[in-house]
C-alpha atoms as a PDB file:
ATOM      1  CA  UNK A   1       7.805  36.574  72.164  1.00  0.00           C
ATOM      2  CA  UNK A   2      11.202  38.241  72.478  1.00  0.00           C
ATOM      3  CA  UNK A   3       9.563  41.387  73.815  1.00  0.00           C
ATOM      4  CA  UNK A   4       7.773  39.385  76.497  1.00  0.00           C
ATOM      5  CA  UNK A   5      11.038  37.709  77.515  1.00  0.00           C
ATOM      6  CA  UNK A   6      12.804  41.091  77.669  1.00  0.00           C
ATOM      7  CA  UNK A   7       9.995  42.568  79.773  1.00  0.00           C
ATOM      8  CA  UNK A   8       9.896  39.513  82.038  1.00  0.00           C
ATOM      9  CA  UNK A   9      13.613  39.752  82.730  1.00  0.00           C
ATOM     10  CA  UNK A  10      13.243  43.465  83.456  1.00  0.00           C
ATOM     11  CA  UNK A  11      10.398  42.673  85.863  1.00  0.00           C
ATOM     12  CA  UNK A  12      12.566  40.038  87.568  1.00  0.00           C
ATOM     13  CA  UNK A  13      15.242  42.674  88.091  1.00  0.00           C
ATOM     14  CA  UNK A  14      12.670  45.046  89.567  1.00  0.00           C
ATOM     15  CA  UNK A  15      11.418  42.282  91.874  1.00  0.00           C
ATOM     16  CA  UNK A  16      14.933  41.518  93.110  1.00  0.00           C
ATOM     17  CA  UNK A  17      15.597  45.236  93.685  1.00  0.00           C
ATOM     18  CA  UNK A  18      12.361  45.809  95.599  1.00  0.00           C
ATOM     19  CA  UNK A  19      13.038  47.540  98.887  1.00  0.00           C
ATOM     20  CA  UNK A  20      11.341  46.311 102.067  1.00  0.00           C
ATOM     21  CA  UNK A  21       9.268  49.495 102.117  1.00  0.00           C
ATOM     22  CA  UNK A  22       8.297  51.560  99.107  1.00  0.00           C
ATOM     23  CA  UNK A  23       5.818  54.268  98.219  1.00  0.00           C
ATOM     24  CA  UNK A  24       4.176  55.388  95.028  1.00  0.00           C
ATOM     25  CA  UNK A  25       6.512  57.935  93.455  1.00  0.00           C
ATOM     26  CA  UNK A  26       9.782  56.795  95.037  1.00  0.00           C
ATOM     27  CA  UNK A  27      12.757  55.833  92.845  1.00  0.00           C
ATOM     28  CA  UNK A  28      12.003  52.100  92.881  1.00  0.00           C
ATOM     29  CA  UNK A  29       8.339  52.644  91.971  1.00  0.00           C
ATOM     30  CA  UNK A  30       9.297  54.978  89.115  1.00  0.00           C
ATOM     31  CA  UNK A  31      11.252  52.051  87.635  1.00  0.00           C
ATOM     32  CA  UNK A  32       8.792  49.305  88.609  1.00  0.00           C
ATOM     33  CA  UNK A  33       5.592  50.818  87.225  1.00  0.00           C
ATOM     34  CA  UNK A  34       6.711  51.111  83.569  1.00  0.00           C
ATOM     35  CA  UNK A  35       8.431  47.725  83.730  1.00  0.00           C
ATOM     36  CA  UNK A  36       5.223  46.065  84.860  1.00  0.00           C
ATOM     37  CA  UNK A  37       3.117  47.987  82.346  1.00  0.00           C
ATOM     38  CA  UNK A  38       5.450  46.760  79.597  1.00  0.00           C
ATOM     39  CA  UNK A  39       5.148  43.196  80.863  1.00  0.00           C
ATOM     40  CA  UNK A  40       1.353  43.375  80.736  1.00  0.00           C
ATOM     41  CA  UNK A  41       1.384  44.729  77.174  1.00  0.00           C
ATOM     42  CA  UNK A  42       3.864  42.048  76.080  1.00  0.00           C
ATOM     43  CA  UNK A  43       1.725  39.371  77.740  1.00  0.00           C
ATOM     44  CA  UNK A  44      -1.300  40.495  75.733  1.00  0.00           C
ATOM     45  CA  UNK A  45       0.827  40.444  72.559  1.00  0.00           C
ATOM     46  CA  UNK A  46       1.605  36.768  73.197  1.00  0.00           C
ATOM     47  CA  UNK A  47      -2.120  36.127  73.552  1.00  0.00           C
ATOM     48  CA  UNK A  48      -2.842  37.822  70.221  1.00  0.00           C
ATOM     49  CA  UNK A  49       0.105  36.689  68.122  1.00  0.00           C
ATOM     50  CA  UNK A  50       1.262  33.295  69.371  1.00  0.00           C
ATOM     51  CA  UNK A  51      -0.102  29.772  69.521  1.00  0.00           C
ATOM     52  CA  UNK A  52      -3.041  29.385  71.946  1.00  0.00           C
ATOM     53  CA  UNK A  53      -1.149  26.863  74.094  1.00  0.00           C
ATOM     54  CA  UNK A  54       1.421  29.507  75.005  1.00  0.00           C
ATOM     55  CA  UNK A  55      -1.054  31.867  76.656  1.00  0.00           C
ATOM     56  CA  UNK A  56      -1.557  29.929  79.913  1.00  0.00           C
ATOM     57  CA  UNK A  57       2.150  29.611  80.830  1.00  0.00           C
ATOM     58  CA  UNK A  58       2.738  33.218  79.758  1.00  0.00           C
ATOM     59  CA  UNK A  59      -0.026  34.423  82.051  1.00  0.00           C
ATOM     60  CA  UNK A  60       1.227  32.254  84.920  1.00  0.00           C
ATOM     61  CA  UNK A  61       4.747  33.684  84.579  1.00  0.00           C
ATOM     62  CA  UNK A  62       3.448  37.265  84.319  1.00  0.00           C
ATOM     63  CA  UNK A  63       1.246  36.789  87.406  1.00  0.00           C
ATOM     64  CA  UNK A  64       4.131  35.316  89.385  1.00  0.00           C
ATOM     65  CA  UNK A  65       6.253  38.318  88.430  1.00  0.00           C
ATOM     66  CA  UNK A  66       3.446  40.704  89.319  1.00  0.00           C
ATOM     67  CA  UNK A  67       3.142  39.125  92.765  1.00  0.00           C
ATOM     68  CA  UNK A  68       6.913  39.204  93.233  1.00  0.00           C
ATOM     69  CA  UNK A  69       6.975  42.922  92.474  1.00  0.00           C
ATOM     70  CA  UNK A  70       3.873  44.199  94.263  1.00  0.00           C
ATOM     71  CA  UNK A  71       3.010  41.721  97.036  1.00  0.00           C
ATOM     72  CA  UNK A  72       4.640  41.377 100.416  1.00  0.00           C
ATOM     73  CA  UNK A  73       7.403  38.798 100.400  1.00  0.00           C
ATOM     74  CA  UNK A  74       7.438  35.720 102.533  1.00  0.00           C
ATOM     75  CA  UNK A  75      10.568  33.965 103.716  1.00  0.00           C
ATOM     76  CA  UNK A  76      10.981  31.991 100.469  1.00  0.00           C
ATOM     77  CA  UNK A  77      13.638  32.602  97.862  1.00  0.00           C
ATOM     78  CA  UNK A  78      12.332  34.740  95.009  1.00  0.00           C
ATOM     79  CA  UNK A  79      14.279  32.882  92.312  1.00  0.00           C
ATOM     80  CA  UNK A  80      12.982  29.533  93.569  1.00  0.00           C
ATOM     81  CA  UNK A  81       9.392  30.775  93.342  1.00  0.00           C
ATOM     82  CA  UNK A  82       9.784  32.183  89.838  1.00  0.00           C
ATOM     83  CA  UNK A  83      11.887  29.422  88.291  1.00  0.00           C
ATOM     84  CA  UNK A  84       9.131  26.779  87.815  1.00  0.00           C
ATOM     85  CA  UNK A  85       6.754  29.117  85.954  1.00  0.00           C
ATOM     86  CA  UNK A  86       9.620  30.658  84.001  1.00  0.00           C
ATOM     87  CA  UNK A  87      10.909  27.223  82.964  1.00  0.00           C
ATOM     88  CA  UNK A  88       7.438  26.100  81.866  1.00  0.00           C
ATOM     89  CA  UNK A  89       6.977  29.239  79.778  1.00  0.00           C
ATOM     90  CA  UNK A  90      10.404  28.899  78.144  1.00  0.00           C
ATOM     91  CA  UNK A  91       9.878  25.193  77.367  1.00  0.00           C
ATOM     92  CA  UNK A  92       6.548  25.842  75.659  1.00  0.00           C
ATOM     93  CA  UNK A  93       7.931  28.913  73.888  1.00  0.00           C
ATOM     94  CA  UNK A  94      10.737  26.789  72.436  1.00  0.00           C
ATOM     95  CA  UNK A  95       8.288  24.134  71.276  1.00  0.00           C
ATOM     96  CA  UNK A  96       6.048  26.736  69.649  1.00  0.00           C
ATOM     97  CA  UNK A  97       8.984  27.939  67.535  1.00  0.00           C
ATOM     98  CA  UNK A  98       9.630  24.546  65.939  1.00  0.00           C
END
């Protein structure tokens, strides 16, 4: 779970640093690609190792991060879009630890 959280926070940083225009191979992409690969691996680890009820919010958070990194941005605030899925994941993660 800690690895997923670490990867998610790294992916958030990549999303916030995303330039308006990028290309495969540029400096941002060279950072983004491994960060997102790590997130995907950590997401699958949650699926394998954690309580079944944690998988859905984990996947929702990972998908939101994936969209924030790779999709075109609209006018909305990135943090506002990510916060609800992040909060749901963290709440269920806490509950699964008790």
